[in-house]
Amino acid sequence: MSRVLVLNGPNLRRLGTREPDVYGAQTFDDLVDLCRRTGAELGLRVEVRQTDDEAQMVAWAHEAADERLPVVLNPAAFTHYSYALHDALAQRTAPLIEVHISNPHAREEFRHTSVVSSVATGTIAGFGLNSYVLALHALKTLL
């Protein structure tokens, strides 16, 4: 069973209460459940993590590179400015799928630029929590 990291950036633990009109009413625990269930169905061992700390996210990116782990990443606010995360992800040794719950291109202009996309295998956005399901299916086909 392949191990996969599902990494989540700032504020994602607040799903369900943070702007439900944008991010939906499902909680972070719902997201964890969905990812683990989907992973099990696909024969993937999924670890879901969340941090508001950029240094922690960079450390997880290094861990993934060192252990050759595929990653589903919702960088959240780090998407738009974290060159440190970009540089860490550029060292990846396995597929990386960038995900977003909402469609950043349908929102404020500052959200239209991702510094992560250029080092990702692909990007899935705008399908709510199903973005993660689609990303896990994509990873499965790439492994």
N, C-alpha and C. Protein backbone atom coordinates (compact mmCIF):
# COMPACT_ATOMS: atom_id res chain seq x y z
N MET A 1 0.84 -1.18 0.00
CA MET A 1 0.00 0.00 0.00
C MET A 1 0.88 1.24 0.00
N SER A 2 0.73 2.09 -1.00
CA SER A 2 1.53 3.30 -1.11
C SER A 2 1.09 4.34 -0.09
N ARG A 3 2.08 4.98 0.51
CA ARG A 3 1.83 6.06 1.46
C ARG A 3 1.73 7.38 0.71
N VAL A 4 0.72 8.18 1.05
CA VAL A 4 0.49 9.48 0.42
C VAL A 4 0.28 10.52 1.52
N LEU A 5 0.92 11.67 1.37
CA LEU A 5 0.67 12.78 2.28
C LEU A 5 -0.35 13.72 1.66
N VAL A 6 -1.33 14.11 2.45
CA VAL A 6 -2.28 15.15 2.07
C VAL A 6 -2.00 16.32 3.01
N LEU A 7 -1.38 17.35 2.46
CA LEU A 7 -0.91 18.48 3.28
C LEU A 7 -1.80 19.69 3.04
N ASN A 8 -2.13 20.36 4.13
CA ASN A 8 -3.04 21.50 4.09
C ASN A 8 -2.43 22.69 4.81
N GLY A 9 -2.53 23.85 4.19
CA GLY A 9 -1.96 25.08 4.73
C GLY A 9 -2.90 25.84 5.65
N PRO A 10 -2.62 27.13 5.81
CA PRO A 10 -3.28 27.96 6.81
C PRO A 10 -4.80 27.98 6.71
N ASN A 11 -5.40 27.96 7.87
CA ASN A 11 -6.85 28.15 8.08
C ASN A 11 -7.71 26.96 7.66
N LEU A 12 -7.13 25.92 7.09
CA LEU A 12 -7.97 24.81 6.63
C LEU A 12 -8.55 23.98 7.77
N ARG A 13 -7.95 24.06 8.95
CA ARG A 13 -8.56 23.36 10.09
C ARG A 13 -9.88 24.03 10.48
N ARG A 14 -10.13 25.24 9.96
CA ARG A 14 -11.35 25.99 10.28
C ARG A 14 -12.47 25.74 9.27
N LEU A 15 -12.29 24.74 8.42
CA LEU A 15 -13.36 24.39 7.48
C LEU A 15 -14.66 24.17 8.24
N GLY A 16 -15.74 24.58 7.64
CA GLY A 16 -17.05 24.46 8.26
C GLY A 16 -17.50 25.74 8.95
N THR A 17 -16.53 26.52 9.43
CA THR A 17 -16.86 27.79 10.07
C THR A 17 -16.28 28.97 9.29
N ARG A 18 -15.22 28.75 8.56
CA ARG A 18 -14.58 29.82 7.79
C ARG A 18 -15.27 29.97 6.44
N GLU A 19 -15.89 31.10 6.22
CA GLU A 19 -16.52 31.42 4.94
C GLU A 19 -17.22 30.21 4.30
N PRO A 20 -18.24 29.69 4.96
CA PRO A 20 -18.90 28.50 4.40
C PRO A 20 -19.50 28.73 3.02
N ASP A 21 -19.78 29.97 2.66
CA ASP A 21 -20.29 30.26 1.32
C ASP A 21 -19.21 30.02 0.26
N VAL A 22 -17.95 30.06 0.65
CA VAL A 22 -16.83 29.81 -0.26
C VAL A 22 -16.32 28.37 -0.12
N TYR A 23 -16.15 27.91 1.13
CA TYR A 23 -15.47 26.64 1.39
C TYR A 23 -16.42 25.51 1.78
N GLY A 24 -17.70 25.80 1.94
CA GLY A 24 -18.67 24.78 2.28
C GLY A 24 -18.83 24.60 3.78
N ALA A 25 -19.77 23.74 4.15
CA ALA A 25 -20.11 23.51 5.55
C ALA A 25 -19.39 22.31 6.15
N GLN A 26 -18.71 21.52 5.30
CA GLN A 26 -18.00 20.36 5.82
C GLN A 26 -16.79 20.80 6.62
N THR A 27 -16.44 20.02 7.63
CA THR A 27 -15.36 20.36 8.55
C THR A 27 -14.04 19.73 8.10
N PHE A 28 -12.97 20.10 8.80
CA PHE A 28 -11.67 19.48 8.53
C PHE A 28 -11.73 17.99 8.83
N ASP A 29 -12.43 17.62 9.90
CA ASP A 29 -12.58 16.19 10.21
C ASP A 29 -13.28 15.45 9.07
N ASP A 30 -14.26 16.11 8.44
CA ASP A 30 -14.91 15.52 7.27
C ASP A 30 -13.91 15.32 6.14
N LEU A 31 -13.04 16.29 5.94
CA LEU A 31 -12.00 16.19 4.92
C LEU A 31 -11.07 15.02 5.21
N VAL A 32 -10.63 14.89 6.46
CA VAL A 32 -9.75 13.79 6.85
C VAL A 32 -10.42 12.46 6.54
N ASP A 33 -11.67 12.31 6.97
CA ASP A 33 -12.44 11.09 6.71
C ASP A 33 -12.52 10.79 5.22
N LEU A 34 -12.89 11.79 4.44
CA LEU A 34 -13.04 11.62 3.00
C LEU A 34 -11.73 11.16 2.36
N CYS A 35 -10.63 11.78 2.73
CA CYS A 35 -9.33 11.41 2.15
C CYS A 35 -8.91 10.01 2.56
N ARG A 36 -9.10 9.66 3.80
CA ARG A 36 -8.73 8.31 4.25
C ARG A 36 -9.58 7.24 3.60
N ARG A 37 -10.89 7.49 3.51
CA ARG A 37 -11.79 6.52 2.85
C ARG A 37 -11.44 6.36 1.38
N THR A 38 -11.24 7.48 0.71
CA THR A 38 -10.89 7.42 -0.72
C THR A 38 -9.57 6.69 -0.90
N GLY A 39 -8.60 7.02 -0.06
CA GLY A 39 -7.31 6.34 -0.13
C GLY A 39 -7.45 4.84 0.06
N ALA A 40 -8.21 4.43 1.04
CA ALA A 40 -8.41 3.00 1.30
C ALA A 40 -9.03 2.31 0.08
N GLU A 41 -10.00 2.96 -0.54
CA GLU A 41 -10.64 2.40 -1.74
C GLU A 41 -9.64 2.24 -2.88
N LEU A 42 -8.64 3.12 -2.91
CA LEU A 42 -7.65 3.10 -3.99
C LEU A 42 -6.39 2.32 -3.63
N GLY A 43 -6.35 1.78 -2.42
CA GLY A 43 -5.15 1.07 -1.98
C GLY A 43 -4.02 1.99 -1.59
N LEU A 44 -4.36 3.17 -1.10
CA LEU A 44 -3.37 4.16 -0.66
C LEU A 44 -3.50 4.37 0.85
N ARG A 45 -2.36 4.48 1.52
CA ARG A 45 -2.36 4.81 2.94
C ARG A 45 -2.17 6.32 3.05
N VAL A 46 -3.25 7.02 3.39
CA VAL A 46 -3.28 8.48 3.36
C VAL A 46 -3.05 9.05 4.76
N GLU A 47 -2.11 9.97 4.86
CA GLU A 47 -1.88 10.75 6.07
C GLU A 47 -2.28 12.18 5.79
N VAL A 48 -3.23 12.71 6.56
CA VAL A 48 -3.70 14.08 6.37
C VAL A 48 -3.12 14.96 7.46
N ARG A 49 -2.52 16.06 7.05
CA ARG A 49 -1.91 17.00 8.00
C ARG A 49 -2.35 18.42 7.66
N GLN A 50 -2.30 19.29 8.67
CA GLN A 50 -2.61 20.71 8.48
C GLN A 50 -1.70 21.53 9.35
N THR A 51 -1.24 22.66 8.80
CA THR A 51 -0.43 23.59 9.59
C THR A 51 -0.70 25.02 9.13
N ASP A 52 -0.56 25.93 10.08
CA ASP A 52 -0.60 27.36 9.79
C ASP A 52 0.82 27.92 9.71
N ASP A 53 1.83 27.05 9.86
CA ASP A 53 3.23 27.43 9.97
C ASP A 53 3.98 27.10 8.67
N GLU A 54 4.48 28.11 8.02
CA GLU A 54 5.18 27.92 6.74
C GLU A 54 6.40 27.01 6.91
N ALA A 55 7.14 27.17 8.00
CA ALA A 55 8.34 26.34 8.22
C ALA A 55 7.95 24.86 8.35
N GLN A 56 6.84 24.59 9.01
CA GLN A 56 6.39 23.20 9.14
C GLN A 56 6.03 22.62 7.77
N MET A 57 5.36 23.42 6.94
CA MET A 57 4.99 22.95 5.61
C MET A 57 6.24 22.64 4.78
N VAL A 58 7.24 23.50 4.87
CA VAL A 58 8.50 23.26 4.15
C VAL A 58 9.15 21.98 4.66
N ALA A 59 9.13 21.76 5.96
CA ALA A 59 9.70 20.53 6.52
C ALA A 59 8.97 19.30 5.99
N TRP A 60 7.64 19.38 5.89
CA TRP A 60 6.88 18.25 5.33
C TRP A 60 7.21 18.03 3.86
N ALA A 61 7.44 19.09 3.12
CA ALA A 61 7.84 18.95 1.71
C ALA A 61 9.20 18.26 1.61
N HIS A 62 10.11 18.60 2.51
CA HIS A 62 11.42 17.94 2.54
C HIS A 62 11.25 16.46 2.89
N GLU A 63 10.42 16.16 3.86
CA GLU A 63 10.14 14.77 4.24
C GLU A 63 9.62 13.99 3.04
N ALA A 64 8.68 14.57 2.32
CA ALA A 64 8.11 13.90 1.15
C ALA A 64 9.19 13.64 0.10
N ALA A 65 10.05 14.63 -0.15
CA ALA A 65 11.12 14.46 -1.13
C ALA A 65 12.09 13.37 -0.68
N ASP A 66 12.49 13.41 0.59
CA ASP A 66 13.46 12.44 1.11
C ASP A 66 12.92 11.01 1.09
N GLU A 67 11.61 10.86 1.33
CA GLU A 67 11.01 9.54 1.41
C GLU A 67 10.30 9.13 0.12
N ARG A 68 10.41 9.98 -0.91
CA ARG A 68 9.79 9.71 -2.22
C ARG A 68 8.28 9.49 -2.10
N LEU A 69 7.65 10.36 -1.32
CA LEU A 69 6.21 10.24 -1.07
C LEU A 69 5.41 11.14 -2.01
N PRO A 70 4.36 10.59 -2.63
CA PRO A 70 3.46 11.44 -3.40
C PRO A 70 2.68 12.35 -2.45
N VAL A 71 2.31 13.53 -2.97
CA VAL A 71 1.67 14.54 -2.13
C VAL A 71 0.46 15.13 -2.85
N VAL A 72 -0.62 15.28 -2.08
CA VAL A 72 -1.74 16.14 -2.44
C VAL A 72 -1.59 17.36 -1.53
N LEU A 73 -1.51 18.53 -2.11
CA LEU A 73 -1.20 19.74 -1.34
C LEU A 73 -2.23 20.82 -1.60
N ASN A 74 -2.86 21.28 -0.52
CA ASN A 74 -3.63 22.52 -0.57
C ASN A 74 -2.80 23.56 0.17
N PRO A 75 -2.02 24.36 -0.56
CA PRO A 75 -1.15 25.30 0.11
C PRO A 75 -1.86 26.49 0.73
N ALA A 76 -3.16 26.64 0.43
CA ALA A 76 -3.96 27.75 0.97
C ALA A 76 -3.24 29.08 0.70
N ALA A 77 -3.11 29.94 1.67
CA ALA A 77 -2.50 31.25 1.44
C ALA A 77 -1.05 31.16 0.98
N PHE A 78 -0.34 30.08 1.33
CA PHE A 78 1.03 29.91 0.87
C PHE A 78 1.11 29.85 -0.66
N THR A 79 0.01 29.51 -1.29
CA THR A 79 -0.07 29.40 -2.75
C THR A 79 0.47 30.63 -3.44
N HIS A 80 0.18 31.78 -2.88
CA HIS A 80 0.37 33.04 -3.60
C HIS A 80 1.69 33.74 -3.32
N TYR A 81 2.45 33.26 -2.32
CA TYR A 81 3.66 34.02 -2.00
C TYR A 81 4.83 33.20 -1.47
N SER A 82 4.64 31.94 -1.16
CA SER A 82 5.70 31.20 -0.46
C SER A 82 6.73 30.62 -1.42
N TYR A 83 7.74 31.40 -1.70
CA TYR A 83 8.84 30.91 -2.54
C TYR A 83 9.65 29.86 -1.79
N ALA A 84 9.65 29.91 -0.47
CA ALA A 84 10.32 28.87 0.30
C ALA A 84 9.63 27.52 0.06
N LEU A 85 8.30 27.53 0.05
CA LEU A 85 7.56 26.29 -0.23
C LEU A 85 7.80 25.86 -1.67
N HIS A 86 7.76 26.79 -2.61
CA HIS A 86 8.06 26.48 -4.01
C HIS A 86 9.40 25.76 -4.12
N ASP A 87 10.43 26.32 -3.50
CA ASP A 87 11.77 25.75 -3.60
C ASP A 87 11.84 24.37 -2.96
N ALA A 88 11.14 24.17 -1.85
CA ALA A 88 11.11 22.86 -1.21
C ALA A 88 10.39 21.85 -2.10
N LEU A 89 9.28 22.25 -2.69
CA LEU A 89 8.52 21.35 -3.56
C LEU A 89 9.25 21.05 -4.86
N ALA A 90 10.10 21.95 -5.31
CA ALA A 90 10.87 21.72 -6.53
C ALA A 90 11.82 20.53 -6.37
N GLN A 91 12.07 20.12 -5.15
CA GLN A 91 12.94 18.99 -4.86
C GLN A 91 12.18 17.66 -4.84
N ARG A 92 10.91 17.70 -5.19
CA ARG A 92 10.07 16.51 -5.07
C ARG A 92 10.63 15.35 -5.88
N THR A 93 10.31 14.15 -5.40
CA THR A 93 10.79 12.93 -6.03
C THR A 93 9.63 11.99 -6.36
N ALA A 94 8.42 12.50 -6.26
CA ALA A 94 7.20 11.74 -6.54
C ALA A 94 6.14 12.75 -7.00
N PRO A 95 5.02 12.26 -7.54
CA PRO A 95 3.99 13.19 -8.01
C PRO A 95 3.47 14.12 -6.92
N LEU A 96 3.11 15.32 -7.35
CA LEU A 96 2.55 16.35 -6.48
C LEU A 96 1.33 16.93 -7.17
N ILE A 97 0.18 16.85 -6.51
CA ILE A 97 -1.05 17.43 -7.05
C ILE A 97 -1.44 18.59 -6.14
N GLU A 98 -1.51 19.78 -6.72
CA GLU A 98 -1.97 20.98 -6.01
C GLU A 98 -3.50 20.99 -6.06
N VAL A 99 -4.14 21.20 -4.91
CA VAL A 99 -5.60 21.26 -4.87
C VAL A 99 -6.07 22.54 -4.20
N HIS A 100 -7.27 22.95 -4.62
CA HIS A 100 -7.95 24.07 -3.98
C HIS A 100 -9.43 23.73 -3.92
N ILE A 101 -10.04 24.06 -2.82
CA ILE A 101 -11.47 23.80 -2.62
C ILE A 101 -12.29 24.71 -3.53
N SER A 102 -11.93 25.98 -3.53
CA SER A 102 -12.61 26.95 -4.40
C SER A 102 -11.79 27.10 -5.68
N ASN A 103 -12.30 27.86 -6.62
CA ASN A 103 -11.57 28.15 -7.84
C ASN A 103 -10.87 29.50 -7.65
N PRO A 104 -9.56 29.51 -7.43
CA PRO A 104 -8.86 30.77 -7.19
C PRO A 104 -9.03 31.79 -8.31
N HIS A 105 -9.21 31.33 -9.53
CA HIS A 105 -9.33 32.24 -10.67
C HIS A 105 -10.69 32.94 -10.73
N ALA A 106 -11.64 32.46 -9.94
CA ALA A 106 -12.96 33.10 -9.89
C ALA A 106 -13.07 34.01 -8.67
N ARG A 107 -11.94 34.23 -8.00
CA ARG A 107 -11.94 35.03 -6.77
C ARG A 107 -11.08 36.28 -6.93
N GLU A 108 -10.64 36.85 -5.83
CA GLU A 108 -9.86 38.09 -5.86
C GLU A 108 -8.60 37.90 -6.73
N GLU A 109 -8.18 38.99 -7.34
CA GLU A 109 -7.06 38.91 -8.28
C GLU A 109 -5.78 38.36 -7.65
N PHE A 110 -5.51 38.69 -6.39
CA PHE A 110 -4.28 38.21 -5.77
C PHE A 110 -4.24 36.69 -5.68
N ARG A 111 -5.40 36.04 -5.76
CA ARG A 111 -5.46 34.57 -5.71
C ARG A 111 -5.20 33.92 -7.06
N HIS A 112 -5.08 34.71 -8.11
CA HIS A 112 -4.93 34.15 -9.45
C HIS A 112 -3.54 33.59 -9.72
N THR A 113 -2.56 33.95 -8.91
CA THR A 113 -1.19 33.48 -9.12
C THR A 113 -0.82 32.43 -8.09
N SER A 114 -0.30 31.31 -8.58
CA SER A 114 0.21 30.26 -7.70
C SER A 114 1.70 30.10 -7.94
N VAL A 115 2.48 30.21 -6.88
CA VAL A 115 3.92 29.96 -6.99
C VAL A 115 4.21 28.46 -6.86
N VAL A 116 3.19 27.68 -6.61
CA VAL A 116 3.32 26.23 -6.45
C VAL A 116 3.07 25.49 -7.77
N SER A 117 2.18 26.00 -8.59
CA SER A 117 1.76 25.30 -9.81
C SER A 117 2.92 24.90 -10.71
N SER A 118 3.93 25.72 -10.79
CA SER A 118 5.03 25.44 -11.71
C SER A 118 5.87 24.23 -11.30
N VAL A 119 5.74 23.78 -10.06
CA VAL A 119 6.49 22.60 -9.62
C VAL A 119 5.56 21.42 -9.32
N ALA A 120 4.27 21.59 -9.59
CA ALA A 120 3.30 20.51 -9.36
C ALA A 120 3.13 19.68 -10.63
N THR A 121 2.76 18.43 -10.43
CA THR A 121 2.43 17.57 -11.56
C THR A 121 1.16 18.08 -12.23
N GLY A 122 0.21 18.53 -11.41
CA GLY A 122 -1.05 19.07 -11.91
C GLY A 122 -1.78 19.80 -10.81
N THR A 123 -2.85 20.49 -11.21
CA THR A 123 -3.65 21.28 -10.27
C THR A 123 -5.12 20.95 -10.47
N ILE A 124 -5.84 20.79 -9.35
CA ILE A 124 -7.29 20.55 -9.37
C ILE A 124 -7.92 21.58 -8.45
N ALA A 125 -8.90 22.33 -8.96
CA ALA A 125 -9.48 23.41 -8.16
C ALA A 125 -10.96 23.59 -8.48
N GLY A 126 -11.68 24.01 -7.45
CA GLY A 126 -13.06 24.44 -7.66
C GLY A 126 -14.12 23.38 -7.45
N PHE A 127 -13.77 22.21 -6.98
CA PHE A 127 -14.73 21.13 -6.81
C PHE A 127 -15.04 20.83 -5.35
N GLY A 128 -14.83 21.81 -4.47
CA GLY A 128 -15.06 21.60 -3.05
C GLY A 128 -14.11 20.52 -2.53
N LEU A 129 -14.56 19.77 -1.55
CA LEU A 129 -13.71 18.71 -1.01
C LEU A 129 -13.47 17.62 -2.04
N ASN A 130 -14.31 17.54 -3.06
CA ASN A 130 -14.09 16.56 -4.12
C ASN A 130 -12.79 16.83 -4.89
N SER A 131 -12.24 18.03 -4.77
CA SER A 131 -10.93 18.29 -5.37
C SER A 131 -9.90 17.29 -4.84
N TYR A 132 -10.00 16.95 -3.56
CA TYR A 132 -9.08 15.99 -2.96
C TYR A 132 -9.31 14.59 -3.51
N VAL A 133 -10.58 14.22 -3.68
CA VAL A 133 -10.91 12.90 -4.23
C VAL A 133 -10.32 12.78 -5.63
N LEU A 134 -10.52 13.80 -6.45
CA LEU A 134 -9.98 13.80 -7.80
C LEU A 134 -8.45 13.72 -7.78
N ALA A 135 -7.84 14.43 -6.86
CA ALA A 135 -6.38 14.41 -6.75
C ALA A 135 -5.87 13.03 -6.35
N LEU A 136 -6.53 12.37 -5.43
CA LEU A 136 -6.11 11.03 -5.02
C LEU A 136 -6.27 10.04 -6.17
N HIS A 137 -7.33 10.17 -6.93
CA HIS A 137 -7.50 9.32 -8.13
C HIS A 137 -6.38 9.59 -9.14
N ALA A 138 -6.04 10.86 -9.33
CA ALA A 138 -4.95 11.20 -10.25
C ALA A 138 -3.64 10.60 -9.78
N LEU A 139 -3.36 10.71 -8.47
CA LEU A 139 -2.12 10.13 -7.95
C LEU A 139 -2.08 8.64 -8.19
N LYS A 140 -3.18 7.97 -7.95
CA LYS A 140 -3.23 6.52 -8.14
C LYS A 140 -2.84 6.14 -9.56
N THR A 141 -3.31 6.91 -10.54
CA THR A 141 -2.98 6.61 -11.93
C THR A 141 -1.51 6.90 -12.23
N LEU A 142 -0.89 7.80 -11.47
CA LEU A 142 0.50 8.16 -11.70
C LEU A 142 1.49 7.22 -11.00
N LEU A 143 1.00 6.48 -10.02
CA LEU A 143 1.91 5.62 -9.24
C LEU A 143 2.12 4.27 -9.91
